[in-house]
Amino acid sequence: MGLLSFLRELVDGGGTAEDKMVRAELEQVRALAEGGGGSMVEGVQEGDRAPLGPKLRRRYRFSGMVQGVGFRFTITNLANAAGATGWVRNEHDGTVTAEIQGIVEQIDAVIAGLDRYYNRRTFMGGFTIADVRDLPLVADELEFSPRN
């Protein structure tokens, strides 16, 4: 399955059981971050959830087959679906850098979505996280987008 087909199925509701699970997880993470939408754990009531953690910002450097394979497009769509903000860009050394801001569940959902597509479903060779570090928050950031 190609990248566009994978993302289209995530958006349109089709796809495999795993695709549907990814879509449901992203919807739950977005709802959780926005302060509504029910529990992430079946049978747990809204008031029983632990309070959300603080927002954080992480810079990731991805290496492997990450340029020329739709990696920036994919991470942008995953981050926007999860309600995370930040940016992603190709580097001259063949890596990709991304800064992702949100609650830990949003950031984890983006990384898990990348792993599901690039490391588990495709022949592209996958990626590794070469470096990750916490950064100060960027105030008033409204979206996640690619940079040149």
C-alpha atoms as a PDB file:
ATOM      1  CA  MET A   1       0.000   0.000   0.000  1.00  0.00           C
ATOM      2  CA  GLY A   2       1.318   3.404  -0.924  1.00  0.00           C
ATOM      3  CA  LEU A   3       1.624   6.324   1.439  1.00  0.00           C
ATOM      4  CA  LEU A   4      -1.243   8.268  -0.115  1.00  0.00           C
ATOM      5  CA  SER A   5      -3.516   5.230   0.065  1.00  0.00           C
ATOM      6  CA  PHE A   6      -2.544   4.669   3.704  1.00  0.00           C
ATOM      7  CA  LEU A   7      -3.294   8.285   4.670  1.00  0.00           C
ATOM      8  CA  ARG A   8      -6.490   8.390   2.592  1.00  0.00           C
ATOM      9  CA  GLU A   9      -7.767   5.281   4.348  1.00  0.00           C
ATOM     10  CA  LEU A  10      -6.932   6.802   7.745  1.00  0.00           C
ATOM     11  CA  VAL A  11      -8.922   9.920   6.858  1.00  0.00           C
ATOM     12  CA  ASP A  12     -11.806   8.219   5.022  1.00  0.00           C
ATOM     13  CA  GLY A  13     -12.393   5.431   7.527  1.00  0.00           C
ATOM     14  CA  GLY A  14     -11.332   2.486   5.379  1.00  0.00           C
ATOM     15  CA  GLY A  15      -8.280   0.302   5.673  1.00  0.00           C
ATOM     16  CA  THR A  16      -7.150  -2.547   7.802  1.00  0.00           C
ATOM     17  CA  ALA A  17      -8.056  -3.126  11.420  1.00  0.00           C
ATOM     18  CA  GLU A  18      -4.686  -1.616  12.387  1.00  0.00           C
ATOM     19  CA  ASP A  19      -5.429   1.502  10.279  1.00  0.00           C
ATOM     20  CA  LYS A  20      -8.767   1.890  12.049  1.00  0.00           C
ATOM     21  CA  MET A  21      -7.029   1.494  15.414  1.00  0.00           C
ATOM     22  CA  VAL A  22      -4.504   4.231  14.517  1.00  0.00           C
ATOM     23  CA  ARG A  23      -7.333   6.554  13.446  1.00  0.00           C
ATOM     24  CA  ALA A  24      -9.260   5.880  16.664  1.00  0.00           C
ATOM     25  CA  GLU A  25      -6.142   6.481  18.782  1.00  0.00           C
ATOM     26  CA  LEU A  26      -5.458   9.801  17.042  1.00  0.00           C
ATOM     27  CA  GLU A  27      -9.079  10.892  17.571  1.00  0.00           C
ATOM     28  CA  GLN A  28      -8.886   9.941  21.255  1.00  0.00           C
ATOM     29  CA  VAL A  29      -5.603  11.766  21.733  1.00  0.00           C
ATOM     30  CA  ARG A  30      -6.983  14.912  20.081  1.00  0.00           C
ATOM     31  CA  ALA A  31     -10.136  14.776  22.226  1.00  0.00           C
ATOM     32  CA  LEU A  32      -8.078  14.176  25.361  1.00  0.00           C
ATOM     33  CA  ALA A  33      -5.813  17.141  24.617  1.00  0.00           C
ATOM     34  CA  GLU A  34      -8.822  19.367  23.920  1.00  0.00           C
ATOM     35  CA  GLY A  35     -10.320  18.448  27.296  1.00  0.00           C
ATOM     36  CA  GLY A  36     -13.256  16.342  26.198  1.00  0.00           C
ATOM     37  CA  GLY A  37     -14.221  13.279  24.299  1.00  0.00           C
ATOM     38  CA  GLY A  38     -14.323  10.496  26.835  1.00  0.00           C
ATOM     39  CA  SER A  39     -11.820   8.139  28.303  1.00  0.00           C
ATOM     40  CA  MET A  40      -8.784   6.554  26.682  1.00  0.00           C
ATOM     41  CA  VAL A  41      -9.469   3.414  28.732  1.00  0.00           C
ATOM     42  CA  GLU A  42     -12.703   1.513  28.246  1.00  0.00           C
ATOM     43  CA  GLY A  43     -14.804   1.403  31.407  1.00  0.00           C
ATOM     44  CA  VAL A  44     -13.097   4.403  33.022  1.00  0.00           C
ATOM     45  CA  GLN A  45     -15.361   7.370  33.557  1.00  0.00           C
ATOM     46  CA  GLU A  46     -14.428  10.913  32.517  1.00  0.00           C
ATOM     47  CA  GLY A  47     -13.813  12.032  36.121  1.00  0.00           C
ATOM     48  CA  ASP A  48     -11.641   8.976  36.866  1.00  0.00           C
ATOM     49  CA  ARG A  49      -8.871   9.974  34.456  1.00  0.00           C
ATOM     50  CA  ALA A  50      -5.609  11.306  35.741  1.00  0.00           C
ATOM     51  CA  PRO A  51      -5.151  14.991  34.909  1.00  0.00           C
ATOM     52  CA  LEU A  52      -3.359  15.779  31.667  1.00  0.00           C
ATOM     53  CA  GLY A  53       0.322  16.412  31.881  1.00  0.00           C
ATOM     54  CA  PRO A  54       1.821  19.694  30.847  1.00  0.00           C
ATOM     55  CA  LYS A  55       2.616  20.560  27.268  1.00  0.00           C
ATOM     56  CA  LEU A  56       6.138  19.884  26.162  1.00  0.00           C
ATOM     57  CA  ARG A  57       8.226  20.327  23.045  1.00  0.00           C
ATOM     58  CA  ARG A  58      10.636  17.747  21.669  1.00  0.00           C
ATOM     59  CA  ARG A  59      13.113  17.945  18.816  1.00  0.00           C
ATOM     60  CA  TYR A  60      13.629  14.676  16.952  1.00  0.00           C
ATOM     61  CA  ARG A  61      16.277  13.866  14.377  1.00  0.00           C
ATOM     62  CA  PHE A  62      15.245  10.919  12.219  1.00  0.00           C
ATOM     63  CA  SER A  63      17.713   8.954  10.112  1.00  0.00           C
ATOM     64  CA  GLY A  64      17.324   6.107   7.631  1.00  0.00           C
ATOM     65  CA  MET A  65      14.976   6.199   4.643  1.00  0.00           C
ATOM     66  CA  VAL A  66      13.392   9.527   5.558  1.00  0.00           C
ATOM     67  CA  GLN A  67      13.889  11.729   2.489  1.00  0.00           C
ATOM     68  CA  GLY A  68      12.078  11.215  -0.789  1.00  0.00           C
ATOM     69  CA  VAL A  69       9.516   8.836   0.752  1.00  0.00           C
ATOM     70  CA  GLY A  70       6.793  11.236   1.989  1.00  0.00           C
ATOM     71  CA  PHE A  71       8.110  11.328   5.559  1.00  0.00           C
ATOM     72  CA  ARG A  72       7.467  15.063   6.069  1.00  0.00           C
ATOM     73  CA  PHE A  73       3.991  14.747   4.548  1.00  0.00           C
ATOM     74  CA  THR A  74       3.193  11.814   6.844  1.00  0.00           C
ATOM     75  CA  ILE A  75       4.462  13.405  10.051  1.00  0.00           C
ATOM     76  CA  THR A  76       2.581  16.612   9.202  1.00  0.00           C
ATOM     77  CA  ASN A  77      -0.694  14.732   8.742  1.00  0.00           C
ATOM     78  CA  LEU A  78      -0.174  12.641  11.888  1.00  0.00           C
ATOM     79  CA  ALA A  79       0.695  15.694  14.004  1.00  0.00           C
ATOM     80  CA  ASN A  80      -2.296  17.669  12.747  1.00  0.00           C
ATOM     81  CA  ALA A  81      -4.598  14.689  13.324  1.00  0.00           C
ATOM     82  CA  ALA A  82      -3.312  14.377  16.910  1.00  0.00           C
ATOM     83  CA  GLY A  83      -3.626  18.136  17.515  1.00  0.00           C
ATOM     84  CA  ALA A  84       0.130  18.641  17.982  1.00  0.00           C
ATOM     85  CA  THR A  85       1.972  21.704  16.709  1.00  0.00           C
ATOM     86  CA  GLY A  86       5.493  22.296  15.400  1.00  0.00           C
ATOM     87  CA  TRP A  87       7.428  21.795  12.192  1.00  0.00           C
ATOM     88  CA  VAL A  88       9.481  19.312  10.148  1.00  0.00           C
ATOM     89  CA  ARG A  89      12.295  19.803   7.610  1.00  0.00           C
ATOM     90  CA  ASN A  90      14.800  17.854   5.528  1.00  0.00           C
ATOM     91  CA  GLU A  91      18.450  18.354   6.457  1.00  0.00           C
ATOM     92  CA  HIS A  92      21.419  18.431   4.077  1.00  0.00           C
ATOM     93  CA  ASP A  93      22.933  15.301   5.674  1.00  0.00           C
ATOM     94  CA  GLY A  94      19.931  13.128   4.677  1.00  0.00           C
ATOM     95  CA  THR A  95      18.191  13.246   8.067  1.00  0.00           C
ATOM     96  CA  VAL A  96      14.881  14.878   8.963  1.00  0.00           C
ATOM     97  CA  THR A  97      14.417  17.189  11.964  1.00  0.00           C
ATOM     98  CA  ALA A  98      11.039  17.744  13.602  1.00  0.00           C
ATOM     99  CA  GLU A  99       9.932  19.764  16.596  1.00  0.00           C
ATOM    100  CA  ILE A 100       6.664  18.456  18.019  1.00  0.00           C
ATOM    101  CA  GLN A 101       4.748  20.297  20.741  1.00  0.00           C
ATOM    102  CA  GLY A 102       1.804  18.994  22.737  1.00  0.00           C
ATOM    103  CA  ILE A 103       0.978  16.765  25.659  1.00  0.00           C
ATOM    104  CA  VAL A 104       2.999  13.562  25.828  1.00  0.00           C
ATOM    105  CA  GLU A 105       0.109  11.504  24.409  1.00  0.00           C
ATOM    106  CA  GLN A 106      -0.009  13.681  21.284  1.00  0.00           C
ATOM    107  CA  ILE A 107       3.736  13.414  20.710  1.00  0.00           C
ATOM    108  CA  ASP A 108       3.706   9.663  21.349  1.00  0.00           C
ATOM    109  CA  ALA A 109       0.801   9.230  18.897  1.00  0.00           C
ATOM    110  CA  VAL A 110       2.783  10.955  16.130  1.00  0.00           C
ATOM    111  CA  ILE A 111       5.874   8.804  16.717  1.00  0.00           C
ATOM    112  CA  ALA A 112       3.772   5.622  16.945  1.00  0.00           C
ATOM    113  CA  GLY A 113       2.024   6.491  13.665  1.00  0.00           C
ATOM    114  CA  LEU A 114       5.377   6.977  11.929  1.00  0.00           C
ATOM    115  CA  ASP A 115       6.595   3.671  13.325  1.00  0.00           C
ATOM    116  CA  ARG A 116       3.492   1.840  12.145  1.00  0.00           C
ATOM    117  CA  TYR A 117       3.835   3.076   8.601  1.00  0.00           C
ATOM    118  CA  TYR A 118       7.569   3.314   8.006  1.00  0.00           C
ATOM    119  CA  ASN A 119       8.905   0.525  10.207  1.00  0.00           C
ATOM    120  CA  ARG A 120       6.110  -2.063  10.109  1.00  0.00           C
ATOM    121  CA  ARG A 121       4.158  -1.700   6.867  1.00  0.00           C
ATOM    122  CA  THR A 122       6.537  -0.775   4.101  1.00  0.00           C
ATOM    123  CA  PHE A 123       9.592  -1.964   2.268  1.00  0.00           C
ATOM    124  CA  MET A 124      11.304   1.420   2.503  1.00  0.00           C
ATOM    125  CA  GLY A 125      13.838   0.416   5.125  1.00  0.00           C
ATOM    126  CA  GLY A 126      12.343   2.381   7.951  1.00  0.00           C
ATOM    127  CA  PHE A 127      13.836   5.027  10.186  1.00  0.00           C
ATOM    128  CA  THR A 128      15.542   5.385  13.524  1.00  0.00           C
ATOM    129  CA  ILE A 129      15.430   8.236  15.994  1.00  0.00           C
ATOM    130  CA  ALA A 130      19.016   9.467  15.942  1.00  0.00           C
ATOM    131  CA  ASP A 131      18.487  12.123  18.622  1.00  0.00           C
ATOM    132  CA  VAL A 132      15.718  13.501  20.810  1.00  0.00           C
ATOM    133  CA  ARG A 133      15.786  16.412  23.228  1.00  0.00           C
ATOM    134  CA  ASP A 134      13.331  18.517  25.176  1.00  0.00           C
ATOM    135  CA  LEU A 135      13.039  22.202  24.269  1.00  0.00           C
ATOM    136  CA  PRO A 136      11.240  25.252  25.675  1.00  0.00           C
ATOM    137  CA  LEU A 137       7.651  25.677  24.508  1.00  0.00           C
ATOM    138  CA  VAL A 138       6.868  27.990  21.604  1.00  0.00           C
ATOM    139  CA  ALA A 139       3.982  30.241  22.586  1.00  0.00           C
ATOM    140  CA  ASP A 140       1.066  30.857  20.214  1.00  0.00           C
ATOM    141  CA  GLU A 141       2.019  28.106  17.768  1.00  0.00           C
ATOM    142  CA  LEU A 142      -1.174  27.047  15.988  1.00  0.00           C
ATOM    143  CA  GLU A 143      -0.278  24.229  13.594  1.00  0.00           C
ATOM    144  CA  PHE A 144       2.264  21.679  12.444  1.00  0.00           C
ATOM    145  CA  SER A 145       3.828  22.350   9.051  1.00  0.00           C
ATOM    146  CA  PRO A 146       6.790  21.448   6.847  1.00  0.00           C
ATOM    147  CA  ARG A 147       9.710  23.854   6.465  1.00  0.00           C
ATOM    148  CA  ASN A 148      12.281  24.168   3.712  1.00  0.00           C
END
